[in-house]
Amino acid sequence: MRLRRIPQRVSNCLSLFSSHFSCPQGQHFRVWCWLLVTLLLVDGSARLKHLTRLMPASLRYWTVRRMVNAEYWDASAIFDELVVATFFSLPSPADGAIYLIGDKTIKQKRGKKQPLVHKTRLYFALARTRKLADGTHLRDLAGHLPKSRYRRIASYTPEKRRRDYWVFVRRANVKTLGDVTILLSKRRRNDGPKHVKLIVTNLDTKRASEILNAYARRWAVEVTFKELKSGLHWGQMQVTKEKERVKRAMILPVMAYVLLLRLYGKEVNPDEGFTIFRLKRRFCEETWQEQLDRSEAKWRKKTRSIKGGGVAATLPPVTFQNLATA
């Protein structure tokens, strides 16, 4: 089943970015809109040939592929503007705090087919061999601290799930870092030094729960990767091995992700949270329902014109002579 028109809500949302496409025929902006829509509608594989099966028959596979491979449009610039527009459309958090969390990766090329795939990850961890201002090592603090110094506290994930930890907090001065808050955390009271997580932060707070809550938000990065791969088929769009073309193929699903946030961000309750799968299911239902409503309205209009004599009046009366002549 093909979608005959871009949803009106999507067309209104993306019309601001038409200036980035200077194709004389005006097709590339249309193809870009269709790519974002079909990425949200398709189930299973998201290769270009599968995406074109949901588009109107006038859009051929080679047309879509040529648009993805075109060099003149800047995917990064469009993505930046789309993110900024989406950011200001989202509701402000209740506590007034905005968390911008990233997961930088230092990677090496793993294969010849994908020039943007990397291998290793650099975790943002502070070496336990770092020394405090008094000359002691961080590892000594984690290794020799008696378990009686730990206290049990409750922390909450962004999804409002409770997690209990045994923690120890103190202020210290670390060389090259200055005054920081050191937090030792473990899941169970009897866990040994190897299971102690050492968190060092310069946040202006001494409450262990606030530090753990902020640290738990890093997990949202991994959740986003999962939603992009499972819900928006990240990395399945096949293009050539050229780096810039692969970059566009990787950034298009992320654009579709941001488009969902722009469409439904104002209606999302920040306290309850959301998943990309729920928003995608809602988008699919509304899109197909809009097409059914448009088709129903079209056939109702034709039916009224026939009943009112609009079509019948233009037809000659059916008589025996007319049939004989035919």
Protein backbone atom coordinates (compact mmCIF):
# COMPACT_ATOMS: atom_id res chain seq x y z
CA MET A 1 0.00 0.00 0.00
CA ARG A 2 1.46 3.32 -1.12
CA LEU A 3 1.03 6.67 0.55
CA ARG A 4 -0.30 9.16 -1.98
CA ARG A 5 0.47 12.43 -0.19
CA ILE A 6 2.85 13.72 2.44
CA PRO A 7 0.85 14.29 5.65
CA GLN A 8 -0.21 17.90 5.92
CA ARG A 9 1.27 18.27 9.39
CA VAL A 10 4.66 17.07 8.15
CA SER A 11 4.51 19.34 5.10
CA ASN A 12 3.87 22.38 7.28
CA CYS A 13 6.67 21.39 9.65
CA LEU A 14 9.31 20.87 6.94
CA SER A 15 8.40 23.73 4.61
CA LEU A 16 10.92 25.99 6.39
CA PHE A 17 13.83 23.91 5.08
CA SER A 18 13.01 23.99 1.37
CA SER A 19 15.61 26.70 0.79
CA HIS A 20 18.40 24.16 1.36
CA PHE A 21 17.46 22.33 -1.84
CA SER A 22 18.16 24.11 -5.12
CA CYS A 23 17.17 21.35 -7.51
CA PRO A 24 15.70 23.03 -10.67
CA GLN A 25 12.83 20.55 -10.82
CA GLY A 26 12.06 21.00 -7.13
CA GLN A 27 12.10 17.25 -6.58
CA HIS A 28 14.86 16.87 -4.02
CA PHE A 29 13.01 18.66 -1.24
CA ARG A 30 9.99 16.49 -1.96
CA VAL A 31 12.13 13.35 -1.92
CA TRP A 32 13.71 14.42 1.38
CA CYS A 33 10.26 14.78 2.95
CA TRP A 34 9.23 11.40 1.62
CA LEU A 35 12.37 9.75 3.01
CA LEU A 36 11.65 11.02 6.51
CA VAL A 37 8.00 9.94 6.30
CA THR A 38 8.71 6.46 4.95
CA LEU A 39 11.44 5.88 7.53
CA LEU A 40 8.73 6.31 10.15
CA LEU A 41 6.24 4.11 8.32
CA VAL A 42 8.34 1.20 7.09
CA ASP A 43 8.58 -2.06 9.00
CA GLY A 44 11.51 -4.39 8.53
CA SER A 45 14.25 -3.38 6.14
CA ALA A 46 14.76 0.30 5.37
CA ARG A 47 16.79 0.07 2.19
CA LEU A 48 16.02 2.63 -0.47
CA LYS A 49 14.20 0.07 -2.61
CA HIS A 50 11.94 -0.81 0.30
CA LEU A 51 11.28 2.85 1.10
CA THR A 52 10.26 3.66 -2.49
CA ARG A 53 7.54 0.99 -2.28
CA LEU A 54 5.66 3.25 0.15
CA MET A 55 6.10 6.37 -2.00
CA PRO A 56 3.94 7.37 -4.99
CA ALA A 57 4.67 5.48 -8.17
CA SER A 58 6.01 8.67 -9.77
CA LEU A 59 9.04 8.56 -7.48
CA ARG A 60 11.40 5.93 -8.83
CA TYR A 61 14.25 4.27 -7.02
CA TRP A 62 16.89 6.00 -9.12
CA THR A 63 15.32 9.40 -8.32
CA VAL A 64 15.56 8.79 -4.58
CA ARG A 65 19.07 7.39 -4.84
CA ARG A 66 20.25 10.37 -6.89
CA MET A 67 18.90 12.75 -4.24
CA VAL A 68 20.71 10.92 -1.43
CA ASN A 69 23.97 10.97 -3.40
CA ALA A 70 23.69 14.62 -4.49
CA GLU A 71 26.58 16.71 -3.23
CA TYR A 72 25.01 20.16 -3.20
CA TRP A 73 22.75 19.82 -0.14
CA ASP A 74 24.34 20.00 3.29
CA ALA A 75 22.81 17.38 5.59
CA SER A 76 24.60 18.73 8.68
CA ALA A 77 23.26 22.27 8.17
CA ILE A 78 19.69 21.03 7.73
CA PHE A 79 20.02 18.80 10.79
CA ASP A 80 21.33 21.68 12.92
CA GLU A 81 18.42 23.94 11.98
CA LEU A 82 15.91 21.13 12.54
CA VAL A 83 17.33 20.43 16.00
CA VAL A 84 17.23 24.11 16.98
CA ALA A 85 13.62 24.46 15.80
CA THR A 86 12.65 21.30 17.67
CA PHE A 87 14.49 22.33 20.81
CA PHE A 88 12.47 25.51 21.20
CA SER A 89 9.20 23.68 20.57
CA LEU A 90 9.69 21.24 23.46
CA PRO A 91 8.12 21.99 26.86
CA SER A 92 10.45 23.36 29.49
CA PRO A 93 11.40 20.95 32.32
CA ALA A 94 9.64 21.33 35.64
CA ASP A 95 12.88 21.82 37.59
CA GLY A 96 14.26 24.28 35.03
CA ALA A 97 17.38 22.13 34.37
CA ILE A 98 18.34 21.09 30.85
CA TYR A 99 20.67 18.12 30.46
CA LEU A 100 22.76 17.89 27.29
CA ILE A 101 24.46 14.50 27.38
CA GLY A 102 26.78 13.15 24.71
CA ASP A 103 28.80 9.99 24.28
CA LYS A 104 32.00 10.81 22.41
CA THR A 105 33.69 7.82 20.85
CA ILE A 106 37.23 7.40 19.59
CA LYS A 107 36.99 4.66 17.03
CA GLN A 108 38.95 2.99 14.33
CA LYS A 109 37.77 1.81 10.96
CA ARG A 110 36.49 -1.75 11.25
CA GLY A 111 35.85 -2.67 7.63
CA LYS A 112 36.04 -1.44 4.08
CA LYS A 113 32.30 -1.32 3.47
CA GLN A 114 31.40 1.28 6.08
CA PRO A 115 33.83 4.21 6.39
CA LEU A 116 32.04 5.69 9.43
CA VAL A 117 31.99 2.55 11.58
CA HIS A 118 34.44 2.50 14.47
CA LYS A 119 35.73 -0.12 16.82
CA THR A 120 36.80 1.07 20.25
CA ARG A 121 35.20 3.42 22.73
CA LEU A 122 36.82 5.84 25.14
CA TYR A 123 34.91 5.85 28.41
CA PHE A 124 34.91 9.04 30.41
CA ALA A 125 36.56 7.60 33.49
CA LEU A 126 38.99 9.13 35.92
CA ALA A 127 42.05 7.00 36.55
CA ARG A 128 42.23 5.67 40.09
CA THR A 129 45.93 6.48 40.14
CA ARG A 130 45.08 10.20 40.34
CA LYS A 131 46.38 11.86 43.48
CA LEU A 132 44.59 14.16 45.83
CA ALA A 133 46.15 17.33 47.12
CA ASP A 134 47.34 15.50 50.26
CA GLY A 135 49.23 12.90 48.17
CA THR A 136 46.84 9.96 48.55
CA HIS A 137 45.51 8.05 45.57
CA LEU A 138 41.87 7.67 44.66
CA ARG A 139 42.31 3.90 44.60
CA ASP A 140 43.36 3.98 48.25
CA LEU A 141 40.16 5.76 49.13
CA ALA A 142 38.09 3.09 47.37
CA GLY A 143 40.17 0.16 48.62
CA HIS A 144 40.61 0.94 52.30
CA LEU A 145 37.38 2.67 53.22
CA PRO A 146 35.48 0.49 55.74
CA LYS A 147 31.95 -0.48 54.85
CA SER A 148 30.65 1.19 57.99
CA ARG A 149 31.30 4.57 56.33
CA TYR A 150 28.81 3.82 53.54
CA ARG A 151 25.17 4.80 53.87
CA ARG A 152 22.18 3.67 51.86
CA ILE A 153 20.33 6.19 49.70
CA ALA A 154 17.67 6.05 47.00
CA SER A 155 18.17 7.47 43.51
CA TYR A 156 15.83 7.63 40.55
CA THR A 157 16.39 7.11 36.86
CA PRO A 158 14.88 9.50 34.27
CA GLU A 159 12.02 6.97 33.99
CA LYS A 160 11.31 7.44 37.72
CA ARG A 161 12.56 3.99 38.64
CA ARG A 162 14.06 3.69 42.09
CA ARG A 163 17.57 2.36 42.57
CA ASP A 164 19.20 1.99 45.99
CA TYR A 165 22.96 2.36 46.41
CA TRP A 166 25.47 2.38 49.24
CA VAL A 167 27.50 5.57 48.93
CA PHE A 168 30.21 7.65 50.53
CA VAL A 169 30.64 11.35 49.66
CA ARG A 170 33.41 13.79 50.48
CA ARG A 171 34.92 17.00 49.14
CA ALA A 172 38.55 16.94 48.04
CA ASN A 173 41.10 18.70 45.91
CA VAL A 174 42.41 16.71 42.94
CA LYS A 175 45.52 17.80 41.13
CA THR A 176 44.81 19.59 37.81
CA LEU A 177 41.07 19.46 38.59
CA GLY A 178 40.71 21.57 41.71
CA ASP A 179 37.92 21.24 44.25
CA VAL A 180 35.60 18.38 43.38
CA THR A 181 33.08 16.06 44.99
CA ILE A 182 34.11 12.41 45.20
CA LEU A 183 31.39 9.79 45.40
CA LEU A 184 31.95 6.08 46.00
CA SER A 185 28.96 3.94 45.07
CA LYS A 186 28.14 0.24 45.12
CA ARG A 187 24.96 -1.77 44.74
CA ARG A 188 25.38 -3.93 47.86
CA ARG A 189 26.87 -3.11 51.20
CA ASN A 190 29.20 -6.12 51.25
CA ASP A 191 30.60 -5.61 47.74
CA GLY A 192 34.38 -5.42 47.58
CA PRO A 193 36.58 -2.60 46.22
CA LYS A 194 36.42 -3.98 42.66
CA HIS A 195 32.68 -3.33 42.57
CA VAL A 196 32.92 0.24 43.82
CA LYS A 197 32.13 2.90 41.24
CA LEU A 198 34.16 6.07 41.65
CA ILE A 199 32.46 9.27 40.46
CA VAL A 200 34.24 12.62 40.52
CA THR A 201 32.26 15.74 39.67
CA ASN A 202 32.57 19.50 39.89
CA LEU A 203 28.84 19.99 40.29
CA ASP A 204 28.03 22.40 43.06
CA THR A 205 26.21 19.89 45.23
CA LYS A 206 27.00 17.54 48.11
CA ARG A 207 23.87 15.43 47.81
CA ALA A 208 24.69 11.93 46.59
CA SER A 209 21.20 11.44 45.15
CA GLU A 210 21.60 14.43 42.79
CA ILE A 211 24.95 13.15 41.54
CA LEU A 212 23.60 9.64 40.94
CA ASN A 213 20.50 10.99 39.21
CA ALA A 214 22.66 13.06 36.86
CA TYR A 215 24.96 10.10 36.21
CA ALA A 216 21.98 7.84 35.44
CA ARG A 217 20.99 10.12 32.56
CA ARG A 218 23.98 8.85 30.61
CA TRP A 219 22.00 5.66 30.01
CA ALA A 220 19.66 7.66 27.78
CA VAL A 221 22.45 7.75 25.19
CA GLU A 222 22.41 3.96 24.90
CA VAL A 223 18.59 3.96 24.78
CA THR A 224 18.70 6.44 21.91
CA PHE A 225 21.08 4.21 19.97
CA LYS A 226 18.73 1.26 20.49
CA GLU A 227 15.70 3.24 19.31
CA LEU A 228 17.54 4.49 16.23
CA LYS A 229 18.64 0.99 15.26
CA SER A 230 15.42 -0.87 16.09
CA GLY A 231 12.77 1.76 15.43
CA LEU A 232 14.29 3.85 12.65
CA HIS A 233 16.54 1.26 10.97
CA TRP A 234 19.76 3.17 11.54
CA GLY A 235 22.55 1.93 9.26
CA GLN A 236 20.34 -0.13 6.93
CA MET A 237 20.17 2.38 4.08
CA GLN A 238 22.63 1.16 1.47
CA VAL A 239 24.63 3.71 -0.49
CA THR A 240 28.12 3.78 -1.95
CA LYS A 241 31.29 3.63 0.12
CA GLU A 242 31.94 7.35 -0.22
CA LYS A 243 32.13 8.97 3.19
CA GLU A 244 29.81 11.93 2.54
CA ARG A 245 27.11 9.76 1.04
CA VAL A 246 27.27 7.36 3.97
CA LYS A 247 27.03 10.35 6.30
CA ARG A 248 23.74 11.44 4.68
CA ALA A 249 22.37 7.90 4.92
CA MET A 250 23.24 7.82 8.64
CA ILE A 251 21.83 11.25 9.42
CA LEU A 252 18.45 10.76 7.71
CA PRO A 253 17.07 8.39 10.41
CA VAL A 254 18.22 10.85 13.07
CA MET A 255 16.31 13.59 11.21
CA ALA A 256 13.23 11.37 11.29
CA TYR A 257 13.74 10.96 15.04
CA VAL A 258 13.89 14.75 15.52
CA LEU A 259 10.84 15.17 13.27
CA LEU A 260 8.79 13.01 15.62
CA LEU A 261 9.88 15.15 18.54
CA ARG A 262 8.92 18.29 16.66
CA LEU A 263 5.49 16.90 15.82
CA TYR A 264 4.60 15.53 19.25
CA GLY A 265 7.06 17.21 21.60
CA LYS A 266 4.56 19.73 22.94
CA GLU A 267 2.13 16.95 23.85
CA VAL A 268 4.68 14.79 25.69
CA ASN A 269 4.58 14.88 29.47
CA PRO A 270 8.20 15.39 30.65
CA ASP A 271 7.45 13.53 33.89
CA GLU A 272 6.17 10.41 32.14
CA GLY A 273 8.74 10.35 29.35
CA PHE A 274 8.25 8.71 25.96
CA THR A 275 9.68 6.11 23.62
CA ILE A 276 10.28 6.43 19.91
CA PHE A 277 8.24 3.28 19.34
CA ARG A 278 5.12 4.83 20.87
CA LEU A 279 5.48 8.05 18.88
CA LYS A 280 6.16 6.11 15.70
CA ARG A 281 3.05 3.97 16.18
CA ARG A 282 0.99 7.11 16.72
CA PHE A 283 2.45 8.70 13.59
CA CYS A 284 1.63 5.62 11.48
CA GLU A 285 -1.96 5.51 12.73
CA GLU A 286 -2.56 9.21 12.08
CA THR A 287 -0.89 9.12 8.65
CA TRP A 288 -2.87 6.18 7.29
CA GLN A 289 -6.08 7.51 8.86
CA GLU A 290 -5.53 10.85 7.12
CA GLN A 291 -5.22 9.08 3.77
CA LEU A 292 -8.38 7.03 4.42
CA ASP A 293 -10.30 10.16 5.42
CA ARG A 294 -9.13 11.96 2.29
CA SER A 295 -10.18 9.02 0.09
CA GLU A 296 -13.54 8.80 1.83
CA ALA A 297 -14.16 12.53 1.35
CA LYS A 298 -13.24 12.21 -2.33
CA TRP A 299 -15.68 9.36 -2.93
CA ARG A 300 -18.43 11.10 -0.96
CA LYS A 301 -18.02 14.13 -3.22
CA LYS A 302 -18.30 11.96 -6.32
CA THR A 303 -21.35 10.19 -4.90
CA ARG A 304 -23.11 13.49 -4.19
CA SER A 305 -22.38 14.76 -7.68
CA ILE A 306 -23.85 11.60 -9.19
CA LYS A 307 -26.96 11.72 -7.00
CA GLY A 308 -27.42 15.43 -7.74
CA GLY A 309 -27.33 14.87 -11.48
CA GLY A 310 -23.89 16.38 -11.96
CA VAL A 311 -22.63 13.37 -13.89
CA ALA A 312 -25.89 11.88 -15.08
CA ALA A 313 -26.91 15.15 -16.76
CA THR A 314 -23.89 15.04 -19.02
CA LEU A 315 -24.66 11.53 -20.25
CA PRO A 316 -27.09 11.01 -23.13
CA PRO A 317 -30.21 9.00 -22.35
CA VAL A 318 -29.72 5.30 -22.90
CA THR A 319 -32.16 4.21 -25.66
CA PHE A 320 -32.42 1.35 -28.06
CA GLN A 321 -31.28 3.56 -30.97
CA ASN A 322 -28.17 4.61 -29.13
CA LEU A 323 -27.28 1.02 -28.35
CA ALA A 324 -27.84 0.02 -31.98
CA THR A 325 -25.68 2.88 -33.20
CA ALA A 326 -22.92 1.90 -30.78
